[in-house]
Each structure stands twice: as C-alpha cells, then as structure tokens.
PDB file of N, CA and C in Angstrom:
ATOM      1  N   MET A   1      41.292  57.092  44.682  1.00  0.00           N
ATOM      2  CA  MET A   1      40.643  56.638  45.944  1.00  0.00           C
ATOM      3  C   MET A   1      41.669  55.337  46.362  1.00  0.00           C
ATOM      4  N   SER A   2      41.902  55.416  47.743  1.00  0.00           N
ATOM      5  CA  SER A   2      42.722  54.366  48.277  1.00  0.00           C
ATOM      6  C   SER A   2      41.880  53.124  48.552  1.00  0.00           C
ATOM      7  N   SER A   3      42.619  52.004  48.323  1.00  0.00           N
ATOM      8  CA  SER A   3      41.940  50.619  48.625  1.00  0.00           C
ATOM      9  C   SER A   3      41.324  50.597  49.834  1.00  0.00           C
ATOM     10  N   ASP A   4      41.867  51.270  50.851  1.00  0.00           N
ATOM     11  CA  ASP A   4      41.111  50.894  52.232  1.00  0.00           C
ATOM     12  C   ASP A   4      39.935  51.422  52.360  1.00  0.00           C
ATOM     13  N   LYS A   5      39.348  52.671  51.283  1.00  0.00           N
ATOM     14  CA  LYS A   5      38.163  53.045  51.285  1.00  0.00           C
ATOM     15  C   LYS A   5      37.333  52.499  50.167  1.00  0.00           C
ATOM     16  N   ARG A   6      37.933  51.993  49.145  1.00  0.00           N
ATOM     17  CA  ARG A   6      37.124  51.182  48.088  1.00  0.00           C
ATOM     18  C   ARG A   6      36.819  49.827  48.566  1.00  0.00           C
ATOM     19  N   TRP A   7      37.742  49.080  49.272  1.00  0.00           N
ATOM     20  CA  TRP A   7      37.671  47.478  49.638  1.00  0.00           C
ATOM     21  C   TRP A   7      37.460  47.626  51.080  1.00  0.00           C
ATOM     22  N   PRO A   8      36.372  46.907  51.547  1.00  0.00           N
ATOM     23  CA  PRO A   8      36.257  46.739  53.092  1.00  0.00           C
ATOM     24  C   PRO A   8      37.513  46.002  53.597  1.00  0.00           C
ATOM     25  N   SER A   9      38.119  46.419  54.765  1.00  0.00           N
ATOM     26  CA  SER A   9      39.326  45.751  55.176  1.00  0.00           C
ATOM     27  C   SER A   9      39.108  44.174  55.446  1.00  0.00           C
ATOM     28  N   ASP A  10      37.994  43.710  55.804  1.00  0.00           N
ATOM     29  CA  ASP A  10      37.833  42.308  55.872  1.00  0.00           C
ATOM     30  C   ASP A  10      38.068  41.554  54.669  1.00  0.00           C
ATOM     31  N   TRP A  11      37.738  42.190  53.681  1.00  0.00           N
ATOM     32  CA  TRP A  11      37.819  41.578  52.185  1.00  0.00           C
ATOM     33  C   TRP A  11      39.168  41.725  51.900  1.00  0.00           C
ATOM     34  N   VAL A  12      40.205  42.584  52.270  1.00  0.00           N
ATOM     35  CA  VAL A  12      41.619  42.549  51.991  1.00  0.00           C
ATOM     36  C   VAL A  12      42.120  41.657  52.857  1.00  0.00           C
ATOM     37  N   ARG A  13      41.875  41.503  54.089  1.00  0.00           N
ATOM     38  CA  ARG A  13      42.532  40.646  54.970  1.00  0.00           C
ATOM     39  C   ARG A  13      42.325  39.265  54.587  1.00  0.00           C
ATOM     40  N   ALA A  14      41.107  38.842  54.059  1.00  0.00           N
ATOM     41  CA  ALA A  14      40.742  37.521  53.612  1.00  0.00           C
ATOM     42  C   ALA A  14      41.658  36.946  52.556  1.00  0.00           C
ATOM     43  N   VAL A  15      41.705  37.962  51.367  1.00  0.00           N
ATOM     44  CA  VAL A  15      42.539  37.726  50.166  1.00  0.00           C
ATOM     45  C   VAL A  15      43.875  38.237  50.278  1.00  0.00           C
ATOM     46  N   LEU A  16      44.477  38.830  51.221  1.00  0.00           N
ATOM     47  CA  LEU A  16      45.895  39.281  51.112  1.00  0.00           C
ATOM     48  C   LEU A  16      46.934  38.227  51.161  1.00  0.00           C
ATOM     49  N   PRO A  17      46.913  37.002  52.019  1.00  0.00           N
ATOM     50  CA  PRO A  17      47.836  35.973  52.015  1.00  0.00           C
ATOM     51  C   PRO A  17      47.892  35.474  50.614  1.00  0.00           C
ATOM     52  N   THR A  18      46.832  35.159  49.903  1.00  0.00           N
ATOM     53  CA  THR A  18      47.001  34.619  48.596  1.00  0.00           C
ATOM     54  C   THR A  18      47.695  35.666  47.674  1.00  0.00           C
ATOM     55  N   CYS A  19      47.404  36.888  47.756  1.00  0.00           N
ATOM     56  CA  CYS A  19      47.931  37.942  46.781  1.00  0.00           C
ATOM     57  C   CYS A  19      49.420  37.845  47.129  1.00  0.00           C
ATOM     58  N   ILE A  20      49.867  38.020  48.326  1.00  0.00           N
ATOM     59  CA  ILE A  20      51.066  38.036  48.724  1.00  0.00           C
ATOM     60  C   ILE A  20      51.857  36.863  48.084  1.00  0.00           C
ATOM     61  N   LEU A  21      51.406  35.583  48.247  1.00  0.00           N
ATOM     62  CA  LEU A  21      51.950  34.410  47.649  1.00  0.00           C
ATOM     63  C   LEU A  21      52.179  34.526  46.164  1.00  0.00           C
ATOM     64  N   GLN A  22      51.123  35.318  45.284  1.00  0.00           N
ATOM     65  CA  GLN A  22      51.213  35.383  43.937  1.00  0.00           C
ATOM     66  C   GLN A  22      52.261  36.462  43.715  1.00  0.00           C
ATOM     67  N   ALA A  23      52.369  37.419  44.430  1.00  0.00           N
ATOM     68  CA  ALA A  23      53.395  38.495  44.167  1.00  0.00           C
ATOM     69  C   ALA A  23      54.728  37.896  44.260  1.00  0.00           C
ATOM     70  N   ILE A  24      54.982  37.141  45.282  1.00  0.00           N
ATOM     71  CA  ILE A  24      56.413  36.701  45.428  1.00  0.00           C
ATOM     72  C   ILE A  24      56.457  35.533  44.477  1.00  0.00           C
ATOM     73  N   ALA A  25      55.719  34.777  43.935  1.00  0.00           N
ATOM     74  CA  ALA A  25      55.665  33.750  42.876  1.00  0.00           C
ATOM     75  C   ALA A  25      56.101  34.496  41.611  1.00  0.00           C
ATOM     76  N   GLY A  26      55.666  35.524  41.323  1.00  0.00           N
ATOM     77  CA  GLY A  26      55.826  36.380  40.123  1.00  0.00           C
ATOM     78  C   GLY A  26      57.115  37.368  40.294  1.00  0.00           C
ATOM     79  N   SER A  27      57.916  37.221  41.132  1.00  0.00           N
ATOM     80  CA  SER A  27      58.906  37.973  41.197  1.00  0.00           C
ATOM     81  C   SER A  27      60.233  37.448  41.462  1.00  0.00           C
ATOM     82  N   ASP A  28      61.451  37.849  40.680  1.00  0.00           N
ATOM     83  CA  ASP A  28      62.671  37.297  41.086  1.00  0.00           C
ATOM     84  C   ASP A  28      63.349  37.942  42.342  1.00  0.00           C
ATOM     85  N   ASP A  29      62.821  39.274  42.655  1.00  0.00           N
ATOM     86  CA  ASP A  29      63.361  39.937  43.800  1.00  0.00           C
ATOM     87  C   ASP A  29      62.380  40.386  44.717  1.00  0.00           C
ATOM     88  N   ALA A  30      61.760  39.288  45.377  1.00  0.00           N
ATOM     89  CA  ALA A  30      60.670  39.577  46.187  1.00  0.00           C
ATOM     90  C   ALA A  30      61.042  39.917  47.607  1.00  0.00           C
ATOM     91  N   TYR A  31      61.432  41.179  47.792  1.00  0.00           N
ATOM     92  CA  TYR A  31      61.681  41.662  49.082  1.00  0.00           C
ATOM     93  C   TYR A  31      60.477  42.729  49.435  1.00  0.00           C
ATOM     94  N   GLY A  32      60.223  43.059  50.835  1.00  0.00           N
ATOM     95  CA  GLY A  32      59.187  43.537  51.268  1.00  0.00           C
ATOM     96  C   GLY A  32      58.554  44.652  50.394  1.00  0.00           C
ATOM     97  N   TYR A  33      59.304  45.680  50.106  1.00  0.00           N
ATOM     98  CA  TYR A  33      58.794  46.731  49.458  1.00  0.00           C
ATOM     99  C   TYR A  33      58.531  46.586  48.038  1.00  0.00           C
ATOM    100  N   ARG A  34      59.162  45.667  47.551  1.00  0.00           N
ATOM    101  CA  ARG A  34      58.830  45.185  45.997  1.00  0.00           C
ATOM    102  C   ARG A  34      57.451  44.438  46.177  1.00  0.00           C
ATOM    103  N   VAL A  35      57.159  43.646  47.037  1.00  0.00           N
ATOM    104  CA  VAL A  35      55.879  43.085  47.279  1.00  0.00           C
ATOM    105  C   VAL A  35      54.758  44.138  47.363  1.00  0.00           C
ATOM    106  N   ILE A  36      55.037  45.120  48.206  1.00  0.00           N
ATOM    107  CA  ILE A  36      53.975  46.288  48.252  1.00  0.00           C
ATOM    108  C   ILE A  36      53.813  46.833  47.173  1.00  0.00           C
ATOM    109  N   GLN A  37      54.846  47.066  46.348  1.00  0.00           N
ATOM    110  CA  GLN A  37      54.798  47.894  44.948  1.00  0.00           C
ATOM    111  C   GLN A  37      53.872  46.940  43.975  1.00  0.00           C
ATOM    112  N   VAL A  38      54.259  45.620  43.907  1.00  0.00           N
ATOM    113  CA  VAL A  38      53.265  44.736  43.154  1.00  0.00           C
ATOM    114  C   VAL A  38      51.925  44.704  43.542  1.00  0.00           C
ATOM    115  N   LEU A  39      51.648  44.683  44.796  1.00  0.00           N
ATOM    116  CA  LEU A  39      50.112  44.697  45.145  1.00  0.00           C
ATOM    117  C   LEU A  39      49.541  46.052  45.025  1.00  0.00           C
ATOM    118  N   ARG A  40      50.226  47.133  45.186  1.00  0.00           N
ATOM    119  CA  ARG A  40      49.713  48.482  45.097  1.00  0.00           C
ATOM    120  C   ARG A  40      49.291  48.584  43.659  1.00  0.00           C
ATOM    121  N   GLY A  41      50.144  48.045  42.683  1.00  0.00           N
ATOM    122  CA  GLY A  41      49.858  48.147  41.178  1.00  0.00           C
ATOM    123  C   GLY A  41      48.671  47.271  40.748  1.00  0.00           C
ATOM    124  N   ALA A  42      48.254  46.253  41.725  1.00  0.00           N
ATOM    125  CA  ALA A  42      47.170  45.526  41.440  1.00  0.00           C
ATOM    126  C   ALA A  42      45.800  46.192  42.025  1.00  0.00           C
ATOM    127  N   GLY A  43      46.009  47.244  42.900  1.00  0.00           N
ATOM    128  CA  GLY A  43      45.082  47.907  43.299  1.00  0.00           C
ATOM    129  C   GLY A  43      44.899  48.089  44.838  1.00  0.00           C
ATOM    130  N   PHE A  44      45.656  47.442  45.475  1.00  0.00           N
ATOM    131  CA  PHE A  44      45.843  47.426  46.965  1.00  0.00           C
ATOM    132  C   PHE A  44      46.541  48.806  47.337  1.00  0.00           C
ATOM    133  N   ASP A  45      45.909  49.955  47.142  1.00  0.00           N
ATOM    134  CA  ASP A  45      46.655  51.257  47.223  1.00  0.00           C
ATOM    135  C   ASP A  45      46.998  51.773  48.677  1.00  0.00           C
ATOM    136  N   GLY A  46      46.212  51.265  49.501  1.00  0.00           N
ATOM    137  CA  GLY A  46      46.341  51.579  51.001  1.00  0.00           C
ATOM    138  C   GLY A  46      47.250  50.610  51.749  1.00  0.00           C
ATOM    139  N   LEU A  47      47.904  49.684  51.044  1.00  0.00           N
ATOM    140  CA  LEU A  47      48.674  48.750  51.775  1.00  0.00           C
ATOM    141  C   LEU A  47      49.989  49.341  52.227  1.00  0.00           C
ATOM    142  N   SER A  48      50.297  48.991  53.404  1.00  0.00           N
ATOM    143  CA  SER A  48      51.569  49.542  54.115  1.00  0.00           C
ATOM    144  C   SER A  48      52.283  48.391  54.721  1.00  0.00           C
ATOM    145  N   GLY A  49      53.713  48.613  55.081  1.00  0.00           N
ATOM    146  CA  GLY A  49      54.322  47.762  55.701  1.00  0.00           C
ATOM    147  C   GLY A  49      53.931  47.081  56.977  1.00  0.00           C
ATOM    148  N   GLY A  50      53.040  48.102  57.694  1.00  0.00           N
ATOM    149  CA  GLY A  50      52.324  47.502  58.918  1.00  0.00           C
ATOM    150  C   GLY A  50      51.464  46.392  58.612  1.00  0.00           C
ATOM    151  N   THR A  51      50.878  46.293  57.423  1.00  0.00           N
ATOM    152  CA  THR A  51      49.970  45.141  57.104  1.00  0.00           C
ATOM    153  C   THR A  51      50.632  44.258  56.404  1.00  0.00           C
ATOM    154  N   LEU A  52      51.708  44.407  55.588  1.00  0.00           N
ATOM    155  CA  LEU A  52      52.339  43.385  55.025  1.00  0.00           C
ATOM    156  C   LEU A  52      53.209  42.485  55.631  1.00  0.00           C
ATOM    157  N   TYR A  53      53.988  43.142  56.592  1.00  0.00           N
ATOM    158  CA  TYR A  53      55.012  42.345  57.138  1.00  0.00           C
ATOM    159  C   TYR A  53      54.557  41.268  58.075  1.00  0.00           C
ATOM    160  N   PRO A  54      53.447  41.621  58.943  1.00  0.00           N
ATOM    161  CA  PRO A  54      53.037  40.609  59.808  1.00  0.00           C
ATOM    162  C   PRO A  54      52.383  39.394  59.056  1.00  0.00           C
ATOM    163  N   ALA A  55      51.800  39.653  57.952  1.00  0.00           N
ATOM    164  CA  ALA A  55      51.108  38.730  57.029  1.00  0.00           C
ATOM    165  C   ALA A  55      52.472  37.850  56.537  1.00  0.00           C
ATOM    166  N   LEU A  56      53.351  38.317  56.030  1.00  0.00           N
ATOM    167  CA  LEU A  56      54.626  37.791  55.693  1.00  0.00           C
ATOM    168  C   LEU A  56      55.125  36.774  56.637  1.00  0.00           C
ATOM    169  N   ASN A  57      55.234  37.493  57.827  1.00  0.00           N
ATOM    170  CA  ASN A  57      55.692  36.589  59.047  1.00  0.00           C
ATOM    171  C   ASN A  57      54.720  35.342  59.202  1.00  0.00           C
ATOM    172  N   ARG A  58      53.550  35.613  59.206  1.00  0.00           N
ATOM    173  CA  ARG A  58      52.563  34.341  59.414  1.00  0.00           C
ATOM    174  C   ARG A  58      52.747  33.270  58.184  1.00  0.00           C
ATOM    175  N   LEU A  59      52.820  33.703  57.065  1.00  0.00           N
ATOM    176  CA  LEU A  59      53.172  32.891  55.869  1.00  0.00           C
ATOM    177  C   LEU A  59      54.334  32.185  56.137  1.00  0.00           C
ATOM    178  N   GLU A  60      55.717  32.933  56.600  1.00  0.00           N
ATOM    179  CA  GLU A  60      56.821  31.839  56.751  1.00  0.00           C
ATOM    180  C   GLU A  60      56.601  31.046  58.017  1.00  0.00           C
ATOM    181  N   THR A  61      56.092  31.482  59.062  1.00  0.00           N
ATOM    182  CA  THR A  61      55.804  30.629  60.149  1.00  0.00           C
ATOM    183  C   THR A  61      54.837  29.309  59.767  1.00  0.00           C
ATOM    184  N   ASP A  62      54.021  29.559  58.983  1.00  0.00           N
ATOM    185  CA  ASP A  62      53.195  28.400  58.458  1.00  0.00           C
ATOM    186  C   ASP A  62      53.871  27.626  57.361  1.00  0.00           C
ATOM    187  N   GLY A  63      55.093  27.969  56.902  1.00  0.00           N
ATOM    188  CA  GLY A  63      55.885  27.227  56.182  1.00  0.00           C
ATOM    189  C   GLY A  63      55.604  27.413  54.610  1.00  0.00           C
ATOM    190  N   PHE A  64      54.915  28.471  54.205  1.00  0.00           N
ATOM    191  CA  PHE A  64      54.603  28.680  52.779  1.00  0.00           C
ATOM    192  C   PHE A  64      55.643  29.574  52.174  1.00  0.00           C
ATOM    193  N   VAL A  65      56.317  30.498  52.864  1.00  0.00           N
ATOM    194  CA  VAL A  65      57.457  31.254  52.335  1.00  0.00           C
ATOM    195  C   VAL A  65      58.648  30.977  53.070  1.00  0.00           C
ATOM    196  N   SER A  66      59.786  31.071  52.469  1.00  0.00           N
ATOM    197  CA  SER A  66      61.073  31.289  53.203  1.00  0.00           C
ATOM    198  C   SER A  66      61.710  32.585  52.813  1.00  0.00           C
ATOM    199  N   SER A  67      62.610  32.792  53.672  1.00  0.00           N
ATOM    200  CA  SER A  67      63.446  34.167  53.557  1.00  0.00           C
ATOM    201  C   SER A  67      64.888  34.021  53.602  1.00  0.00           C
ATOM    202  N   GLU A  68      65.688  34.820  53.157  1.00  0.00           N
ATOM    203  CA  GLU A  68      67.066  34.992  53.287  1.00  0.00           C
ATOM    204  C   GLU A  68      67.649  36.448  53.305  1.00  0.00           C
ATOM    205  N   TRP A  69      68.426  36.872  54.101  1.00  0.00           N
ATOM    206  CA  TRP A  69      68.984  38.064  54.133  1.00  0.00           C
ATOM    207  C   TRP A  69      70.053  38.343  53.061  1.00  0.00           C
ATOM    208  N   ARG A  70      70.162  39.389  52.136  1.00  0.00           N
ATOM    209  CA  ARG A  70      71.150  39.620  51.141  1.00  0.00           C
ATOM    210  C   ARG A  70      71.713  40.878  51.480  1.00  0.00           C
ATOM    211  N   GLU A  71      73.037  40.867  51.400  1.00  0.00           N
ATOM    212  CA  GLU A  71      73.744  42.210  51.450  1.00  0.00           C
ATOM    213  C   GLU A  71      73.252  43.119  50.447  1.00  0.00           C
ATOM    214  N   GLY A  72      73.056  44.428  50.635  1.00  0.00           N
ATOM    215  CA  GLY A  72      72.738  45.401  49.748  1.00  0.00           C
ATOM    216  C   GLY A  72      73.901  45.768  48.960  1.00  0.00           C
ATOM    217  N   ASP A  73      73.918  46.378  47.830  1.00  0.00           N
ATOM    218  CA  ASP A  73      75.093  46.968  46.915  1.00  0.00           C
ATOM    219  C   ASP A  73      75.431  48.226  47.631  1.00  0.00           C
ATOM    220  N   ALA A  74      74.401  49.119  47.794  1.00  0.00           N
ATOM    221  CA  ALA A  74      74.797  50.490  48.268  1.00  0.00           C
ATOM    222  C   ALA A  74      74.119  50.786  49.567  1.00  0.00           C
ATOM    223  N   GLY A  75      73.720  49.930  50.465  1.00  0.00           N
ATOM    224  CA  GLY A  75      72.879  50.113  51.528  1.00  0.00           C
ATOM    225  C   GLY A  75      72.686  48.931  52.357  1.00  0.00           C
ATOM    226  N   PRO A  76      71.845  49.031  53.178  1.00  0.00           N
ATOM    227  CA  PRO A  76      71.740  47.904  54.101  1.00  0.00           C
ATOM    228  C   PRO A  76      70.989  46.728  53.352  1.00  0.00           C
ATOM    229  N   GLY A  77      71.225  45.420  53.844  1.00  0.00           N
ATOM    230  CA  GLY A  77      70.756  44.302  53.247  1.00  0.00           C
ATOM    231  C   GLY A  77      69.314  44.189  53.169  1.00  0.00           C
ATOM    232  N   LYS A  78      68.593  43.337  52.529  1.00  0.00           N
ATOM    233  CA  LYS A  78      67.185  42.949  52.497  1.00  0.00           C
ATOM    234  C   LYS A  78      66.889  41.672  52.638  1.00  0.00           C
ATOM    235  N   LYS A  79      65.730  41.477  53.187  1.00  0.00           N
ATOM    236  CA  LYS A  79      65.251  40.186  53.300  1.00  0.00           C
ATOM    237  C   LYS A  79      64.457  39.687  52.086  1.00  0.00           C
ATOM    238  N   PHE A  80      64.779  38.824  51.287  1.00  0.00           N
ATOM    239  CA  PHE A  80      64.145  38.325  50.200  1.00  0.00           C
ATOM    240  C   PHE A  80      63.274  37.033  50.609  1.00  0.00           C
ATOM    241  N   TYR A  81      62.098  37.029  49.736  1.00  0.00           N
ATOM    242  CA  TYR A  81      61.145  35.950  50.164  1.00  0.00           C
ATOM    243  C   TYR A  81      61.080  35.054  48.923  1.00  0.00           C
ATOM    244  N   SER A  82      60.859  33.705  49.040  1.00  0.00           N
ATOM    245  CA  SER A  82      60.363  32.762  47.991  1.00  0.00           C
ATOM    246  C   SER A  82      59.507  31.808  48.565  1.00  0.00           C
ATOM    247  N   LEU A  83      58.793  31.266  47.780  1.00  0.00           N
ATOM    248  CA  LEU A  83      57.848  30.227  48.043  1.00  0.00           C
ATOM    249  C   LEU A  83      58.358  28.744  48.223  1.00  0.00           C
ATOM    250  N   THR A  84      57.963  28.315  49.179  1.00  0.00           N
ATOM    251  CA  THR A  84      58.443  26.899  49.465  1.00  0.00           C
ATOM    252  C   THR A  84      57.245  26.122  48.558  1.00  0.00           C
ATOM    253  N   PRO A  85      57.669  24.768  48.283  1.00  0.00           N
ATOM    254  CA  PRO A  85      56.827  23.837  47.831  1.00  0.00           C
ATOM    255  C   PRO A  85      55.445  23.759  48.448  1.00  0.00           C
ATOM    256  N   GLU A  86      55.321  23.876  49.696  1.00  0.00           N
ATOM    257  CA  GLU A  86      53.990  24.039  50.326  1.00  0.00           C
ATOM    258  C   GLU A  86      53.268  25.234  50.063  1.00  0.00           C
ATOM    259  N   GLY A  87      54.150  26.444  49.990  1.00  0.00           N
ATOM    260  CA  GLY A  87      53.489  27.718  49.516  1.00  0.00           C
ATOM    261  C   GLY A  87      52.959  27.629  47.929  1.00  0.00           C
ATOM    262  N   ARG A  88      53.702  26.931  47.108  1.00  0.00           N
ATOM    263  CA  ARG A  88      53.176  27.003  45.765  1.00  0.00           C
ATOM    264  C   ARG A  88      51.874  26.173  45.715  1.00  0.00           C
ATOM    265  N   GLN A  89      51.899  25.056  46.389  1.00  0.00           N
ATOM    266  CA  GLN A  89      50.590  24.231  46.396  1.00  0.00           C
ATOM    267  C   GLN A  89      49.555  25.138  47.144  1.00  0.00           C
ATOM    268  N   ARG A  90      49.793  25.803  48.175  1.00  0.00           N
ATOM    269  CA  ARG A  90      48.723  26.693  48.783  1.00  0.00           C
ATOM    270  C   ARG A  90      48.263  27.847  47.891  1.00  0.00           C
ATOM    271  N   LEU A  91      49.055  28.413  46.987  1.00  0.00           N
ATOM    272  CA  LEU A  91      48.693  29.308  46.096  1.00  0.00           C
ATOM    273  C   LEU A  91      47.829  28.785  45.197  1.00  0.00           C
ATOM    274  N   HIS A  92      48.160  27.537  44.659  1.00  0.00           N
ATOM    275  CA  HIS A  92      47.316  27.024  43.600  1.00  0.00           C
ATOM    276  C   HIS A  92      46.084  26.666  44.096  1.00  0.00           C
ATOM    277  N   GLU A  93      46.028  26.112  45.295  1.00  0.00           N
ATOM    278  CA  GLU A  93      44.721  25.749  45.950  1.00  0.00           C
ATOM    279  C   GLU A  93      43.868  27.015  46.370  1.00  0.00           C
ATOM    280  N   SER A  94      44.436  28.130  46.613  1.00  0.00           N
ATOM    281  CA  SER A  94      43.883  29.185  47.072  1.00  0.00           C
ATOM    282  C   SER A  94      43.312  30.025  45.972  1.00  0.00           C
ATOM    283  N   ALA A  95      44.067  29.985  44.878  1.00  0.00           N
ATOM    284  CA  ALA A  95      43.524  30.553  43.511  1.00  0.00           C
ATOM    285  C   ALA A  95      42.321  29.941  43.174  1.00  0.00           C
ATOM    286  N   ARG A  96      42.323  28.620  43.021  1.00  0.00           N
ATOM    287  CA  ARG A  96      41.317  27.792  42.566  1.00  0.00           C
ATOM    288  C   ARG A  96      40.058  28.018  43.462  1.00  0.00           C
ATOM    289  N   ASP A  97      40.233  28.017  44.623  1.00  0.00           N
ATOM    290  CA  ASP A  97      39.016  28.398  45.702  1.00  0.00           C
ATOM    291  C   ASP A  97      38.617  29.747  45.493  1.00  0.00           C
ATOM    292  N   TRP A  98      39.386  30.620  45.390  1.00  0.00           N
ATOM    293  CA  TRP A  98      38.851  32.103  45.105  1.00  0.00           C
ATOM    294  C   TRP A  98      38.144  32.154  44.038  1.00  0.00           C
ATOM    295  N   ASN A  99      38.468  31.578  42.753  1.00  0.00           N
ATOM    296  CA  ASN A  99      37.899  31.590  41.631  1.00  0.00           C
ATOM    297  C   ASN A  99      36.487  31.092  41.686  1.00  0.00           C
ATOM    298  N   ARG A 100      36.502  29.851  42.377  1.00  0.00           N
ATOM    299  CA  ARG A 100      35.167  29.321  42.725  1.00  0.00           C
ATOM    300  C   ARG A 100      34.233  30.153  43.409  1.00  0.00           C
ATOM    301  N   PHE A 101      34.758  30.688  44.514  1.00  0.00           N
ATOM    302  CA  PHE A 101      33.819  31.540  45.469  1.00  0.00           C
ATOM    303  C   PHE A 101      33.478  32.902  44.686  1.00  0.00           C
ATOM    304  N   SER A 102      34.436  33.431  43.793  1.00  0.00           N
ATOM    305  CA  SER A 102      33.854  34.559  43.398  1.00  0.00           C
ATOM    306  C   SER A 102      32.761  34.256  42.201  1.00  0.00           C
ATOM    307  N   VAL A 103      33.050  32.983  41.426  1.00  0.00           N
ATOM    308  CA  VAL A 103      31.804  32.842  40.642  1.00  0.00           C
ATOM    309  C   VAL A 103      30.490  32.554  41.379  1.00  0.00           C
ATOM    310  N   LEU A 104      30.616  32.005  42.503  1.00  0.00           N
ATOM    311  CA  LEU A 104      29.441  31.708  43.375  1.00  0.00           C
ATOM    312  C   LEU A 104      28.765  33.156  43.750  1.00  0.00           C
ATOM    313  N   ILE A 105      29.626  33.996  44.172  1.00  0.00           N
ATOM    314  CA  ILE A 105      29.143  35.232  44.467  1.00  0.00           C
ATOM    315  C   ILE A 105      28.439  36.244  43.265  1.00  0.00           C
ATOM    316  N   MET A 106      29.221  36.064  42.216  1.00  0.00           N
ATOM    317  CA  MET A 106      28.689  36.783  41.002  1.00  0.00           C
ATOM    318  C   MET A 106      27.317  36.235  40.754  1.00  0.00           C
ATOM    319  N   ASP A 107      27.104  34.824  40.563  1.00  0.00           N
ATOM    320  CA  ASP A 107      25.972  34.257  40.319  1.00  0.00           C
ATOM    321  C   ASP A 107      24.799  34.633  41.382  1.00  0.00           C
ATOM    322  N   LEU A 108      24.966  34.492  42.692  1.00  0.00           N
ATOM    323  CA  LEU A 108      24.296  34.926  43.457  1.00  0.00           C
ATOM    324  C   LEU A 108      23.662  36.513  43.333  1.00  0.00           C
ATOM    325  N   LEU A 109      24.490  37.314  42.947  1.00  0.00           N
ATOM    326  CA  LEU A 109      24.223  38.867  42.769  1.00  0.00           C
ATOM    327  C   LEU A 109      23.535  38.757  41.382  1.00  0.00           C
ATOM    328  N   GLU A 110      23.753  38.324  40.447  1.00  0.00           N
ATOM    329  CA  GLU A 110      23.090  38.149  39.117  1.00  0.00           C
ATOM    330  C   GLU A 110      21.715  37.874  39.376  1.00  0.00           C
ATOM    331  N   GLU A 111      21.494  36.569  40.122  1.00  0.00           N
ATOM    332  CA  GLU A 111      20.161  36.127  40.437  1.00  0.00           C
ATOM    333  C   GLU A 111      19.256  36.981  41.075  1.00  0.00           C
ATOM    334  N   LYS A 112      19.873  37.714  42.202  1.00  0.00           N
ATOM    335  CA  LYS A 112      19.093  38.977  42.833  1.00  0.00           C
ATOM    336  C   LYS A 112      18.739  40.048  41.937  1.00  0.00           C
ATOM    337  N   LYS A 113      19.637  40.332  41.031  1.00  0.00           N
ATOM    338  CA  LYS A 113      19.395  41.348  39.966  1.00  0.00           C
ATOM    339  C   LYS A 113      18.134  40.837  39.101  1.00  0.00           C
ATOM    340  N   ALA A 114      17.878  39.614  38.710  1.00  0.00           N
ATOM    341  CA  ALA A 114      16.903  39.233  37.995  1.00  0.00           C
ATOM    342  C   ALA A 114      15.691  39.169  38.506  1.00  0.00           C
ATOM    343  N   HIS A 115      15.391  39.056  39.832  1.00  0.00           N
ATOM    344  CA  HIS A 115      14.264  39.075  40.663  1.00  0.00           C
ATOM    345  C   HIS A 115      13.625  40.440  40.985  1.00  0.00           C
TER     346      HIS A 115
END
C-alpha cells in the first residue's frame, strides 16, 4: 500500500520538511533522488520529485539547506544538499517538538480508549 493511501496528505505535508532535513543530515550524498530513496525506505512510498523538490526549494530559501552542483562521473551533474547550521538547529527543534506532539496524541487516544 502506498503512503499516500496509508497516511493522509496533510499529515505528510506537515512532517515532510523535518523528514527531509533528517534524510539530508544522515547522508553524505544527499541529492534529490537519494533523499527520495531514504524517505521511501522510511515508509513514504508515494513520495515523488513533484513533492520533494518544491519542499527542498523552500528549505533552501528559508536558509535550512544549501546546495551545490557537482559534475557527474558518467552523466549529468547533480545538485547535492547539506544542512546549514540553522537547518541543524531546526531539525533538532522539530524532532523534539514532533516527539512531544506524538506523545500528546498517543496519550489522548489512550485516554479515549480507557473511557
């Protein structure tokens, strides 16, 4: 089952920037297709370039990632992404906040089950 059927699109949109930052932080070769592979491996099966690249552009515009073109060995060059110091801080804060938020939701849902 693809993630766009499993997860509501508004949930994916809400968490995608944080997940992109994590995918970039955890990769030495963070180019667009590689980021998609990492995120698909994490369960974002329906993720496409049409979703990823606008989000990457926003993260770059906001100063959380930087990019550079590198020549390809046997083909066209690729745009590689890395976190800026602001991006590392954003990732840290977002991860902390998502953890707190998910605990809040889980507690609320468990409370509902108890009633």
